[in-house]
Amino acid sequence: MQKLYECRDRLQAQMLLDALAAHHIHTVILGDYLSGAAGELSAIQFPVLWVVEDGDYLLARQLIDRYLGEPPSDRLPWRCGCCGEMVEATFDICWNCSTPRD
């Protein structure tokens, strides 16, 4: 198990976990409830995403970098290969069936 990414909050951690799960990469979130006790701790802790299988680390790192990067402005809407739904260019996952963009 390797530390992959320190998230800004629980919402970002869950979105990244879900995005990686769509690529069959098993991750876990540790420390996600420590930020709620920030007033009682000397240092604020943020949720940390860990990749379970060491062999998945490099791909997971690349996917997170791509996911967190700004989408190119010249992208066009795309049609989902699974359900045929048209999806706006800013989305990398089909809103209808949760299939990742090809």
Protein backbone atom coordinates (compact mmCIF):
# COMPACT_ATOMS: atom_id res chain seq x y z
CA MET A 1 0.00 0.00 0.00
CA GLN A 2 1.40 3.42 -0.97
CA LYS A 3 0.37 6.98 -0.18
CA LEU A 4 -1.04 8.44 -3.38
CA TYR A 5 -2.51 11.90 -2.73
CA GLU A 6 -3.39 14.21 0.17
CA CYS A 7 -6.84 15.61 -0.58
CA ARG A 8 -8.22 19.00 0.40
CA ASP A 9 -11.44 17.50 1.84
CA ARG A 10 -13.60 14.36 2.06
CA LEU A 11 -15.50 15.25 -1.12
CA GLN A 12 -12.36 15.43 -3.26
CA ALA A 13 -11.08 12.20 -1.71
CA GLN A 14 -14.29 10.37 -2.58
CA MET A 15 -14.36 11.75 -6.15
CA LEU A 16 -10.79 10.57 -6.74
CA LEU A 17 -11.53 7.18 -5.17
CA ASP A 18 -14.53 6.78 -7.49
CA ALA A 19 -12.56 7.89 -10.57
CA LEU A 20 -9.82 5.36 -9.83
CA ALA A 21 -12.36 2.62 -9.11
CA ALA A 22 -13.73 3.17 -12.63
CA HIS A 23 -10.28 2.06 -13.82
CA HIS A 24 -10.30 -0.95 -11.45
CA ILE A 25 -7.72 0.57 -9.11
CA HIS A 26 -8.43 -0.23 -5.45
CA THR A 27 -7.80 2.72 -3.14
CA VAL A 28 -8.73 3.60 0.44
CA ILE A 29 -9.16 6.91 2.24
CA LEU A 30 -7.39 7.26 5.58
CA GLY A 31 -7.66 10.16 8.00
CA ASP A 32 -10.90 11.44 6.51
CA TYR A 33 -12.50 12.25 9.85
CA LEU A 34 -9.49 13.88 11.51
CA SER A 35 -10.13 17.27 9.90
CA GLY A 36 -13.36 17.54 11.93
CA ALA A 37 -11.28 17.64 15.11
CA ALA A 38 -9.04 20.43 13.82
CA GLY A 39 -9.81 22.64 16.81
CA GLU A 40 -8.49 19.99 19.17
CA LEU A 41 -5.39 18.93 17.23
CA SER A 42 -2.12 20.77 16.90
CA ALA A 43 -2.02 20.26 13.12
CA ILE A 44 -4.87 19.90 10.67
CA GLN A 45 -5.03 16.49 9.02
CA PHE A 46 -6.52 16.06 5.56
CA PRO A 47 -7.89 12.86 4.01
CA VAL A 48 -5.18 10.83 2.30
CA LEU A 49 -5.82 8.51 -0.64
CA TRP A 50 -3.78 5.30 -0.58
CA VAL A 51 -3.45 2.82 -3.45
CA VAL A 52 -3.75 -0.75 -2.16
CA GLU A 53 -1.76 -2.61 -4.83
CA ASP A 54 1.77 -1.25 -5.30
CA GLY A 55 1.66 -2.24 -8.98
CA ASP A 56 -1.22 0.20 -9.57
CA TYR A 57 0.62 3.22 -8.17
CA LEU A 58 2.07 4.66 -11.41
CA LEU A 59 -1.19 4.38 -13.34
CA ALA A 60 -3.14 5.81 -10.39
CA ARG A 61 -0.72 8.75 -10.18
CA GLN A 62 -1.12 9.46 -13.91
CA LEU A 63 -4.92 9.27 -13.67
CA ILE A 64 -5.01 11.65 -10.69
CA ASP A 65 -2.73 14.12 -12.46
CA ARG A 66 -4.98 14.00 -15.52
CA TYR A 67 -8.16 14.19 -13.43
CA LEU A 68 -6.98 17.22 -11.45
CA GLY A 69 -5.55 19.02 -14.49
CA GLU A 70 -7.51 21.64 -16.37
CA PRO A 71 -9.44 20.14 -19.29
CA PRO A 72 -8.34 21.47 -22.68
CA SER A 73 -10.75 24.16 -23.88
CA ASP A 74 -10.84 22.77 -27.42
CA ARG A 75 -12.52 19.49 -26.38
CA LEU A 76 -15.85 18.64 -27.94
CA PRO A 77 -18.89 16.86 -26.52
CA TRP A 78 -18.58 13.08 -26.79
CA ARG A 79 -20.91 10.12 -27.18
CA CYS A 80 -20.73 7.40 -24.54
CA GLY A 81 -19.61 4.08 -26.04
CA CYS A 82 -21.76 2.14 -23.58
CA CYS A 83 -25.18 3.86 -23.55
CA GLY A 84 -24.90 6.27 -26.51
CA GLU A 85 -25.63 9.39 -24.41
CA MET A 86 -24.12 12.72 -25.49
CA VAL A 87 -21.89 14.08 -22.70
CA GLU A 88 -20.49 17.60 -22.35
CA ALA A 89 -16.79 18.02 -23.10
CA THR A 90 -15.88 18.93 -19.51
CA PHE A 91 -16.94 15.50 -18.22
CA ASP A 92 -14.71 12.42 -18.39
CA ILE A 93 -17.39 10.06 -17.09
CA CYS A 94 -20.84 9.55 -18.62
CA TRP A 95 -23.48 11.12 -16.37
CA ASN A 96 -26.02 8.48 -17.44
CA CYS A 97 -24.15 5.18 -16.91
CA SER A 98 -20.82 6.19 -15.25
CA THR A 99 -18.69 4.81 -18.08
CA PRO A 100 -15.32 6.58 -18.43
CA ARG A 101 -14.54 8.50 -21.62
CA ASP A 102 -12.66 6.41 -24.21
